[in-house]
């Protein structure tokens, strides 16, 4: 029983330090799912801030709101559309871990039934360096499909060059 007291105490200190105040669903969070998700979200926010700093982004992005409050998956690509970061919660939407998709292009999620018209609109927006919002049929690692709502935009550095693209994604019905 002593182990639970130590866990509860550590968890309480952690939750008190957060900017959000959502307690775990159950006080006996045996598998630490909620705790683990929060930890991974804060790790992702830190990594995203480091990418922004390293690449000298000219504007800040609402990582915390989108990740913690909205539960969105965040994917960052370089200017050539190679994935440089994906938040940990991508696994629950796609079945891929972030490490599995690093260096790959977002087309990894598309398949034979993905709408070509939607893909073309996305490609044109990227070529024009414009923001876009689309829903597209994507494929999980296991081959099953899901509808993915994507809000994406180019990210400029302080010199005015497109350095990254950032996409906020969510599975929709």
N, C-alpha and C. Protein backbone atom coordinates (compact mmCIF):
# COMPACT_ATOMS: atom_id res chain seq x y z
N UNK A 1 0.81 -1.19 0.00
CA UNK A 1 0.00 0.00 0.00
C UNK A 1 0.86 1.26 0.00
N UNK A 2 2.05 1.15 0.55
CA UNK A 2 2.95 2.30 0.63
C UNK A 2 3.28 2.84 -0.77
N UNK A 3 3.35 1.93 -1.78
CA UNK A 3 3.66 2.35 -3.15
C UNK A 3 2.61 3.31 -3.69
N UNK A 4 1.34 3.07 -3.33
CA UNK A 4 0.27 3.92 -3.82
C UNK A 4 0.34 5.31 -3.21
N UNK A 5 0.78 5.40 -1.95
CA UNK A 5 0.93 6.69 -1.31
C UNK A 5 2.00 7.51 -2.03
N UNK A 6 3.09 6.89 -2.39
CA UNK A 6 4.16 7.56 -3.10
C UNK A 6 3.67 7.99 -4.49
N UNK A 7 2.95 7.11 -5.16
CA UNK A 7 2.41 7.43 -6.49
C UNK A 7 1.45 8.61 -6.39
N UNK A 8 0.50 8.54 -5.45
CA UNK A 8 -0.49 9.61 -5.30
C UNK A 8 0.19 10.94 -5.00
N UNK A 9 1.19 10.92 -4.16
CA UNK A 9 1.91 12.14 -3.81
C UNK A 9 2.63 12.71 -5.03
N UNK A 10 3.32 11.86 -5.77
CA UNK A 10 4.03 12.30 -6.97
C UNK A 10 3.06 12.81 -8.02
N UNK A 11 1.97 12.10 -8.20
CA UNK A 11 0.97 12.52 -9.18
C UNK A 11 0.37 13.87 -8.80
N UNK A 12 0.09 14.07 -7.53
CA UNK A 12 -0.48 15.34 -7.07
C UNK A 12 0.48 16.50 -7.32
N UNK A 13 1.76 16.30 -7.03
CA UNK A 13 2.76 17.36 -7.29
C UNK A 13 2.81 17.66 -8.78
N UNK A 14 2.77 16.64 -9.61
CA UNK A 14 2.82 16.83 -11.05
C UNK A 14 1.60 17.62 -11.53
N UNK A 15 0.40 17.19 -11.13
CA UNK A 15 -0.83 17.85 -11.57
C UNK A 15 -0.91 19.29 -11.07
N UNK A 16 -0.42 19.57 -9.89
CA UNK A 16 -0.42 20.92 -9.35
C UNK A 16 0.47 21.86 -10.16
N UNK A 17 1.52 21.32 -10.78
CA UNK A 17 2.45 22.13 -11.55
C UNK A 17 1.95 22.42 -12.96
N UNK A 18 0.91 21.75 -13.41
CA UNK A 18 0.43 21.93 -14.78
C UNK A 18 -0.40 23.19 -14.94
N UNK A 19 -0.40 23.70 -16.17
CA UNK A 19 -1.24 24.86 -16.47
C UNK A 19 -2.68 24.46 -16.66
N UNK A 20 -2.93 23.20 -16.99
CA UNK A 20 -4.30 22.71 -17.07
C UNK A 20 -4.60 22.00 -15.76
N UNK A 21 -5.83 21.93 -15.43
CA UNK A 21 -6.20 21.32 -14.15
C UNK A 21 -7.24 20.23 -14.36
N UNK A 22 -6.89 19.21 -15.12
CA UNK A 22 -7.81 18.10 -15.28
C UNK A 22 -7.27 16.89 -14.54
N UNK A 23 -7.97 16.46 -13.51
CA UNK A 23 -7.50 15.30 -12.73
C UNK A 23 -7.69 14.02 -13.53
N UNK A 24 -7.02 12.95 -13.13
CA UNK A 24 -7.23 11.68 -13.81
C UNK A 24 -8.68 11.23 -13.63
N UNK A 25 -9.14 10.40 -14.54
CA UNK A 25 -10.52 9.95 -14.50
C UNK A 25 -10.83 9.16 -13.23
N UNK A 26 -9.87 8.47 -12.73
CA UNK A 26 -10.06 7.70 -11.51
C UNK A 26 -8.84 7.92 -10.62
N UNK A 27 -9.06 7.98 -9.32
CA UNK A 27 -7.93 8.22 -8.44
C UNK A 27 -6.97 7.04 -8.43
N UNK A 28 -7.45 5.86 -8.78
CA UNK A 28 -6.60 4.67 -8.86
C UNK A 28 -6.25 4.43 -10.32
N UNK A 29 -5.55 5.35 -10.90
CA UNK A 29 -5.17 5.32 -12.31
C UNK A 29 -4.06 4.27 -12.49
N UNK A 30 -4.40 2.98 -12.28
CA UNK A 30 -3.40 1.90 -12.23
C UNK A 30 -2.44 1.89 -13.41
N UNK A 31 -2.96 2.09 -14.58
CA UNK A 31 -2.13 1.97 -15.77
C UNK A 31 -1.53 3.31 -16.17
N UNK A 32 -1.84 4.34 -15.43
CA UNK A 32 -1.28 5.66 -15.65
C UNK A 32 -1.49 6.17 -17.06
N UNK A 33 -2.60 5.80 -17.66
CA UNK A 33 -2.87 6.22 -19.04
C UNK A 33 -2.99 7.74 -19.12
N UNK A 34 -3.78 8.32 -18.24
CA UNK A 34 -3.96 9.76 -18.25
C UNK A 34 -2.63 10.46 -17.94
N UNK A 35 -1.95 10.00 -16.93
CA UNK A 35 -0.67 10.57 -16.53
C UNK A 35 0.35 10.48 -17.68
N UNK A 36 0.42 9.34 -18.32
CA UNK A 36 1.34 9.13 -19.43
C UNK A 36 1.00 10.05 -20.60
N UNK A 37 -0.29 10.21 -20.90
CA UNK A 37 -0.70 11.08 -22.01
C UNK A 37 -0.31 12.53 -21.72
N UNK A 38 -0.51 12.98 -20.50
CA UNK A 38 -0.14 14.35 -20.12
C UNK A 38 1.38 14.53 -20.23
N UNK A 39 2.13 13.57 -19.72
CA UNK A 39 3.60 13.65 -19.80
C UNK A 39 4.06 13.72 -21.25
N UNK A 40 3.51 12.86 -22.10
CA UNK A 40 3.87 12.86 -23.52
C UNK A 40 3.48 14.17 -24.19
N UNK A 41 2.33 14.72 -23.82
CA UNK A 41 1.91 16.00 -24.40
C UNK A 41 2.88 17.11 -24.05
N UNK A 42 3.31 17.15 -22.79
CA UNK A 42 4.27 18.18 -22.39
C UNK A 42 5.63 17.96 -23.04
N UNK A 43 6.03 16.72 -23.22
CA UNK A 43 7.26 16.43 -23.94
C UNK A 43 7.15 16.92 -25.38
N UNK A 44 6.00 16.63 -26.02
CA UNK A 44 5.79 17.09 -27.40
C UNK A 44 5.83 18.61 -27.50
N UNK A 45 5.20 19.29 -26.55
CA UNK A 45 5.21 20.75 -26.57
C UNK A 45 6.64 21.28 -26.47
N UNK A 46 7.42 20.68 -25.61
CA UNK A 46 8.82 21.08 -25.47
C UNK A 46 9.59 20.84 -26.77
N UNK A 47 9.38 19.68 -27.38
CA UNK A 47 10.07 19.38 -28.65
C UNK A 47 9.63 20.33 -29.76
N UNK A 48 8.33 20.65 -29.81
CA UNK A 48 7.83 21.57 -30.82
C UNK A 48 8.41 22.97 -30.62
N UNK A 49 8.51 23.40 -29.38
CA UNK A 49 9.11 24.71 -29.11
C UNK A 49 10.58 24.73 -29.52
N UNK A 50 11.28 23.61 -29.33
CA UNK A 50 12.68 23.52 -29.75
C UNK A 50 12.80 23.59 -31.27
N UNK A 51 11.89 22.93 -31.99
CA UNK A 51 11.89 23.00 -33.46
C UNK A 51 11.67 24.44 -33.90
N UNK A 52 10.70 25.12 -33.27
CA UNK A 52 10.39 26.50 -33.61
C UNK A 52 11.61 27.41 -33.36
N UNK A 53 12.26 27.21 -32.23
CA UNK A 53 13.43 28.02 -31.90
C UNK A 53 14.59 27.75 -32.85
N UNK A 54 14.86 26.46 -33.08
CA UNK A 54 15.97 26.07 -33.96
C UNK A 54 15.78 26.58 -35.38
N UNK A 55 14.53 26.55 -35.86
CA UNK A 55 14.24 26.98 -37.24
C UNK A 55 13.85 28.45 -37.33
N UNK A 56 13.89 29.15 -36.20
CA UNK A 56 13.61 30.59 -36.15
C UNK A 56 12.26 30.95 -36.75
N UNK A 57 11.21 30.27 -36.26
CA UNK A 57 9.87 30.56 -36.75
C UNK A 57 9.53 32.01 -36.46
N UNK A 58 8.89 32.65 -37.43
CA UNK A 58 8.55 34.07 -37.28
C UNK A 58 7.31 34.28 -36.42
N UNK A 59 6.50 33.26 -36.24
CA UNK A 59 5.30 33.41 -35.40
C UNK A 59 5.17 32.20 -34.49
N UNK A 60 4.50 32.42 -33.38
CA UNK A 60 4.30 31.31 -32.45
C UNK A 60 3.07 30.51 -32.86
N UNK A 61 3.04 29.26 -32.45
CA UNK A 61 1.93 28.37 -32.76
C UNK A 61 1.23 27.98 -31.46
N UNK A 62 -0.07 27.76 -31.51
CA UNK A 62 -0.82 27.41 -30.30
C UNK A 62 -0.73 25.92 -29.96
N UNK A 63 0.49 25.42 -29.77
CA UNK A 63 0.70 23.99 -29.50
C UNK A 63 -0.11 23.52 -28.30
N UNK A 64 0.02 24.24 -27.20
CA UNK A 64 -0.60 23.80 -25.96
C UNK A 64 -2.11 23.69 -26.09
N UNK A 65 -2.74 24.70 -26.68
CA UNK A 65 -4.20 24.66 -26.85
C UNK A 65 -4.62 23.49 -27.71
N UNK A 66 -3.97 23.34 -28.86
CA UNK A 66 -4.37 22.28 -29.79
C UNK A 66 -4.11 20.89 -29.24
N UNK A 67 -3.03 20.72 -28.54
CA UNK A 67 -2.65 19.40 -28.05
C UNK A 67 -3.36 19.06 -26.74
N UNK A 68 -3.31 19.95 -25.78
CA UNK A 68 -3.87 19.65 -24.46
C UNK A 68 -5.38 19.84 -24.39
N UNK A 69 -5.88 20.90 -24.98
CA UNK A 69 -7.31 21.19 -24.85
C UNK A 69 -8.14 20.54 -25.95
N UNK A 70 -7.63 20.53 -27.17
CA UNK A 70 -8.40 20.01 -28.29
C UNK A 70 -8.07 18.56 -28.62
N UNK A 71 -6.96 18.04 -28.11
CA UNK A 71 -6.57 16.66 -28.36
C UNK A 71 -6.15 16.39 -29.79
N UNK A 72 -5.70 17.43 -30.49
CA UNK A 72 -5.30 17.25 -31.89
C UNK A 72 -3.93 16.62 -32.00
N UNK A 73 -3.74 15.91 -33.08
CA UNK A 73 -2.43 15.39 -33.44
C UNK A 73 -1.71 16.50 -34.19
N UNK A 74 -0.45 16.71 -33.89
CA UNK A 74 0.33 17.75 -34.59
C UNK A 74 1.45 17.07 -35.36
N UNK A 75 1.51 17.39 -36.65
CA UNK A 75 2.56 16.85 -37.51
C UNK A 75 3.30 18.03 -38.13
N UNK A 76 4.63 18.00 -38.03
CA UNK A 76 5.46 19.05 -38.61
C UNK A 76 6.34 18.40 -39.68
N UNK A 77 6.34 19.03 -40.85
CA UNK A 77 7.23 18.56 -41.93
C UNK A 77 8.26 19.65 -42.21
N UNK A 78 9.31 19.27 -42.91
CA UNK A 78 10.24 20.28 -43.39
C UNK A 78 9.65 20.86 -44.68
N UNK A 79 10.36 21.75 -45.33
CA UNK A 79 9.85 22.40 -46.54
C UNK A 79 9.67 21.41 -47.70
N UNK A 80 10.37 20.26 -47.64
CA UNK A 80 10.23 19.22 -48.68
C UNK A 80 9.18 18.18 -48.30
N UNK A 81 8.41 18.45 -47.25
CA UNK A 81 7.30 17.61 -46.78
C UNK A 81 7.74 16.27 -46.18
N UNK A 82 8.94 16.22 -45.62
CA UNK A 82 9.36 15.05 -44.85
C UNK A 82 8.99 15.32 -43.39
N UNK A 83 8.39 14.36 -42.75
CA UNK A 83 7.95 14.52 -41.37
C UNK A 83 9.17 14.63 -40.45
N UNK A 84 9.22 15.73 -39.69
CA UNK A 84 10.30 15.95 -38.74
C UNK A 84 9.82 15.77 -37.30
N UNK A 85 8.51 15.84 -37.09
CA UNK A 85 7.96 15.61 -35.76
C UNK A 85 6.47 15.26 -35.86
N UNK A 86 6.06 14.31 -35.05
CA UNK A 86 4.65 13.99 -34.88
C UNK A 86 4.43 13.77 -33.38
N UNK A 87 3.34 14.29 -32.88
CA UNK A 87 3.07 14.13 -31.45
C UNK A 87 2.73 12.68 -31.13
N UNK A 88 2.97 12.32 -29.89
CA UNK A 88 2.79 10.92 -29.46
C UNK A 88 1.38 10.40 -29.69
N UNK A 89 0.39 11.29 -29.63
CA UNK A 89 -0.99 10.84 -29.78
C UNK A 89 -1.33 10.41 -31.21
N UNK A 90 -0.39 10.53 -32.12
CA UNK A 90 -0.62 10.04 -33.49
C UNK A 90 -0.83 8.53 -33.49
N UNK A 91 -0.24 7.86 -32.53
CA UNK A 91 -0.38 6.40 -32.46
C UNK A 91 -1.84 5.98 -32.32
N UNK A 92 -2.60 6.71 -31.54
CA UNK A 92 -4.00 6.34 -31.31
C UNK A 92 -4.87 6.58 -32.54
N UNK A 93 -4.44 7.47 -33.43
CA UNK A 93 -5.20 7.75 -34.64
C UNK A 93 -4.76 6.85 -35.80
N UNK A 94 -3.46 6.57 -35.89
CA UNK A 94 -2.93 5.89 -37.08
C UNK A 94 -2.35 4.50 -36.83
N UNK A 95 -1.97 4.22 -35.59
CA UNK A 95 -1.29 2.96 -35.30
C UNK A 95 0.21 3.04 -35.50
N UNK A 96 0.70 4.17 -35.99
CA UNK A 96 2.14 4.39 -36.16
C UNK A 96 2.68 5.15 -34.96
N UNK A 97 3.87 4.79 -34.52
CA UNK A 97 4.54 5.61 -33.52
C UNK A 97 5.21 6.77 -34.25
N UNK A 98 5.49 7.85 -33.55
CA UNK A 98 6.16 8.97 -34.21
C UNK A 98 7.49 8.56 -34.86
N UNK A 99 8.21 7.67 -34.20
CA UNK A 99 9.52 7.24 -34.74
C UNK A 99 9.38 6.51 -36.07
N UNK A 100 8.28 5.81 -36.26
CA UNK A 100 8.08 5.05 -37.50
C UNK A 100 7.85 5.93 -38.72
N UNK A 101 7.38 7.14 -38.50
CA UNK A 101 7.04 7.98 -39.66
C UNK A 101 8.02 9.13 -39.89
N UNK A 102 8.98 9.30 -38.99
CA UNK A 102 9.97 10.36 -39.18
C UNK A 102 10.70 10.15 -40.51
N UNK A 103 10.84 11.24 -41.27
CA UNK A 103 11.52 11.19 -42.55
C UNK A 103 10.62 10.78 -43.70
N UNK A 104 9.43 10.30 -43.41
CA UNK A 104 8.49 9.92 -44.46
C UNK A 104 7.58 11.10 -44.79
N UNK A 105 6.87 10.98 -45.88
CA UNK A 105 5.94 12.03 -46.29
C UNK A 105 4.54 11.67 -45.79
N UNK A 106 3.69 12.67 -45.58
CA UNK A 106 2.32 12.40 -45.11
C UNK A 106 1.51 11.49 -46.03
N UNK A 107 1.94 11.31 -47.26
CA UNK A 107 1.25 10.39 -48.16
C UNK A 107 1.27 8.96 -47.64
N UNK A 108 2.09 8.68 -46.64
CA UNK A 108 2.13 7.35 -46.03
C UNK A 108 0.74 6.95 -45.53
N UNK A 109 -0.10 7.94 -45.23
CA UNK A 109 -1.43 7.66 -44.69
C UNK A 109 -2.49 7.51 -45.78
N UNK A 110 -2.12 7.72 -47.03
CA UNK A 110 -3.10 7.64 -48.11
C UNK A 110 -3.06 6.26 -48.77
N UNK A 111 -4.18 5.94 -49.44
CA UNK A 111 -4.30 4.64 -50.08
C UNK A 111 -5.21 4.69 -51.29
N UNK A 112 -5.64 3.53 -51.73
CA UNK A 112 -6.38 3.43 -52.99
C UNK A 112 -7.72 4.16 -52.99
N UNK A 113 -8.37 4.28 -51.84
CA UNK A 113 -9.67 4.96 -51.78
C UNK A 113 -9.58 6.41 -51.32
N UNK A 114 -8.38 6.92 -51.16
CA UNK A 114 -8.21 8.32 -50.80
C UNK A 114 -8.65 9.17 -51.99
N UNK A 115 -9.45 10.19 -51.74
CA UNK A 115 -9.99 11.04 -52.80
C UNK A 115 -8.87 11.82 -53.49
N UNK A 116 -8.73 11.59 -54.77
CA UNK A 116 -7.68 12.26 -55.55
C UNK A 116 -7.93 13.76 -55.68
N UNK A 117 -9.21 14.16 -55.72
CA UNK A 117 -9.52 15.59 -55.80
C UNK A 117 -9.07 16.32 -54.53
N UNK A 118 -9.32 15.70 -53.41
CA UNK A 118 -8.90 16.30 -52.14
C UNK A 118 -7.37 16.34 -52.07
N UNK A 119 -6.73 15.26 -52.47
CA UNK A 119 -5.25 15.23 -52.49
C UNK A 119 -4.70 16.33 -53.38
N UNK A 120 -5.35 16.55 -54.50
CA UNK A 120 -4.90 17.58 -55.44
C UNK A 120 -5.06 18.98 -54.82
N UNK A 121 -6.19 19.22 -54.13
CA UNK A 121 -6.39 20.53 -53.49
C UNK A 121 -5.32 20.78 -52.42
N UNK A 122 -5.00 19.73 -51.67
CA UNK A 122 -3.96 19.85 -50.65
C UNK A 122 -2.61 20.15 -51.30
N UNK A 123 -2.30 19.43 -52.35
CA UNK A 123 -1.03 19.63 -53.05
C UNK A 123 -0.92 21.05 -53.59
N UNK A 124 -2.02 21.55 -54.18
CA UNK A 124 -2.01 22.91 -54.74
C UNK A 124 -1.82 23.95 -53.64
N UNK A 125 -2.47 23.77 -52.50
CA UNK A 125 -2.32 24.72 -51.39
C UNK A 125 -0.87 24.73 -50.90
N UNK A 126 -0.27 23.55 -50.81
CA UNK A 126 1.12 23.46 -50.36
C UNK A 126 2.05 24.14 -51.37
N UNK A 127 1.82 23.89 -52.65
CA UNK A 127 2.66 24.51 -53.68
C UNK A 127 2.54 26.03 -53.66
N UNK A 128 1.34 26.53 -53.35
CA UNK A 128 1.11 27.98 -53.27
C UNK A 128 1.50 28.54 -51.91
N UNK A 129 1.92 27.67 -51.01
CA UNK A 129 2.30 28.04 -49.65
C UNK A 129 1.13 28.72 -48.93
N UNK A 130 -0.05 28.09 -49.04
CA UNK A 130 -1.26 28.59 -48.43
C UNK A 130 -1.75 27.63 -47.36
N UNK A 131 -2.48 28.17 -46.40
CA UNK A 131 -3.13 27.33 -45.39
C UNK A 131 -4.28 26.59 -46.05
N UNK A 132 -4.64 25.45 -45.47
CA UNK A 132 -5.80 24.73 -45.98
C UNK A 132 -6.47 23.97 -44.85
N UNK A 133 -7.73 23.64 -45.08
CA UNK A 133 -8.50 22.81 -44.16
C UNK A 133 -9.28 21.82 -45.02
N UNK A 134 -9.01 20.56 -44.81
CA UNK A 134 -9.62 19.50 -45.61
C UNK A 134 -9.89 18.28 -44.74
N UNK A 135 -10.84 17.47 -45.17
CA UNK A 135 -11.07 16.16 -44.59
C UNK A 135 -10.73 15.14 -45.66
N UNK A 136 -9.90 14.18 -45.30
CA UNK A 136 -9.42 13.20 -46.28
C UNK A 136 -9.49 11.80 -45.68
N UNK A 137 -9.74 10.82 -46.53
CA UNK A 137 -9.74 9.42 -46.09
C UNK A 137 -8.29 8.96 -46.00
N UNK A 138 -7.89 8.56 -44.82
CA UNK A 138 -6.53 8.07 -44.58
C UNK A 138 -6.57 6.61 -44.16
N UNK A 139 -5.40 6.02 -44.14
CA UNK A 139 -5.25 4.62 -43.76
C UNK A 139 -4.36 4.49 -42.55
N UNK A 140 -4.77 3.62 -41.64
CA UNK A 140 -3.96 3.30 -40.47
C UNK A 140 -2.90 2.27 -40.86
N UNK A 141 -2.02 2.02 -39.96
CA UNK A 141 -0.96 1.03 -40.17
C UNK A 141 -1.55 -0.35 -40.47
N UNK A 142 -2.67 -0.69 -39.81
CA UNK A 142 -3.29 -2.00 -40.02
C UNK A 142 -4.15 -2.07 -41.29
N UNK A 143 -4.22 -0.98 -42.06
CA UNK A 143 -4.97 -0.96 -43.31
C UNK A 143 -6.39 -0.46 -43.19
N UNK A 144 -6.89 -0.28 -41.98
CA UNK A 144 -8.25 0.26 -41.81
C UNK A 144 -8.24 1.75 -42.13
N UNK A 145 -9.40 2.28 -42.45
CA UNK A 145 -9.50 3.68 -42.87
C UNK A 145 -10.12 4.55 -41.78
N UNK A 146 -9.87 5.83 -41.90
CA UNK A 146 -10.48 6.83 -41.02
C UNK A 146 -10.52 8.15 -41.76
N UNK A 147 -11.47 8.99 -41.40
CA UNK A 147 -11.54 10.34 -41.97
C UNK A 147 -10.72 11.27 -41.09
N UNK A 148 -9.83 11.99 -41.71
CA UNK A 148 -8.92 12.87 -40.98
C UNK A 148 -9.18 14.32 -41.38
N UNK A 149 -9.52 15.12 -40.39
CA UNK A 149 -9.70 16.56 -40.59
C UNK A 149 -8.34 17.21 -40.38
N UNK A 150 -7.86 17.93 -41.38
CA UNK A 150 -6.53 18.53 -41.34
C UNK A 150 -6.65 20.04 -41.49
N UNK A 151 -6.06 20.75 -40.57
CA UNK A 151 -5.89 22.19 -40.68
C UNK A 151 -4.38 22.40 -40.73
N UNK A 152 -3.89 22.89 -41.86
CA UNK A 152 -2.44 22.98 -42.03
C UNK A 152 -2.06 24.36 -42.56
N UNK A 153 -0.81 24.70 -42.29
CA UNK A 153 -0.33 25.99 -42.74
C UNK A 153 1.19 25.96 -42.89
N UNK A 154 1.70 26.82 -43.78
CA UNK A 154 3.16 26.93 -43.88
C UNK A 154 3.67 27.72 -42.68
N UNK A 155 4.89 27.44 -42.29
CA UNK A 155 5.53 28.17 -41.20
C UNK A 155 6.77 28.85 -41.78
N UNK A 156 6.85 30.15 -41.56
CA UNK A 156 7.94 30.96 -42.09
C UNK A 156 8.99 31.21 -41.02
N UNK A 157 10.23 31.32 -41.47
CA UNK A 157 11.29 31.70 -40.53
C UNK A 157 11.40 33.22 -40.51
N UNK A 158 12.29 33.75 -39.70
CA UNK A 158 12.42 35.20 -39.57
C UNK A 158 12.94 35.86 -40.85
N UNK A 159 13.48 35.08 -41.77
CA UNK A 159 13.93 35.62 -43.06
C UNK A 159 12.82 35.63 -44.10
N UNK A 160 11.65 35.08 -43.74
CA UNK A 160 10.52 35.08 -44.67
C UNK A 160 10.44 33.86 -45.56
N UNK A 161 11.26 32.85 -45.30
CA UNK A 161 11.24 31.62 -46.09
C UNK A 161 10.35 30.57 -45.41
N UNK A 162 9.67 29.75 -46.23
CA UNK A 162 8.92 28.63 -45.66
C UNK A 162 9.94 27.62 -45.17
N UNK A 163 9.91 27.35 -43.90
CA UNK A 163 10.88 26.44 -43.27
C UNK A 163 10.23 25.11 -42.91
N UNK A 164 8.93 25.17 -42.56
CA UNK A 164 8.18 23.97 -42.17
C UNK A 164 6.73 24.12 -42.60
N UNK A 165 6.02 23.02 -42.52
CA UNK A 165 4.56 23.02 -42.61
C UNK A 165 4.09 22.35 -41.32
N UNK A 166 2.99 22.86 -40.78
CA UNK A 166 2.44 22.28 -39.56
C UNK A 166 0.99 21.91 -39.82
N UNK A 167 0.62 20.72 -39.38
CA UNK A 167 -0.75 20.24 -39.56
C UNK A 167 -1.33 19.85 -38.21
N UNK A 168 -2.54 20.31 -37.97
CA UNK A 168 -3.31 19.92 -36.79
C UNK A 168 -4.38 18.97 -37.28
N UNK A 169 -4.38 17.76 -36.77
CA UNK A 169 -5.23 16.71 -37.32
C UNK A 169 -6.10 16.07 -36.25
N UNK A 170 -7.27 15.58 -36.71
CA UNK A 170 -8.18 14.89 -35.81
C UNK A 170 -9.04 13.93 -36.63
N UNK A 171 -9.27 12.75 -36.05
CA UNK A 171 -10.18 11.80 -36.68
C UNK A 171 -11.60 12.29 -36.50
N UNK A 172 -12.37 12.29 -37.59
CA UNK A 172 -13.77 12.74 -37.55
C UNK A 172 -14.66 11.65 -38.14
N UNK A 173 -15.94 11.73 -37.82
CA UNK A 173 -16.89 10.74 -38.32
C UNK A 173 -17.23 10.97 -39.78
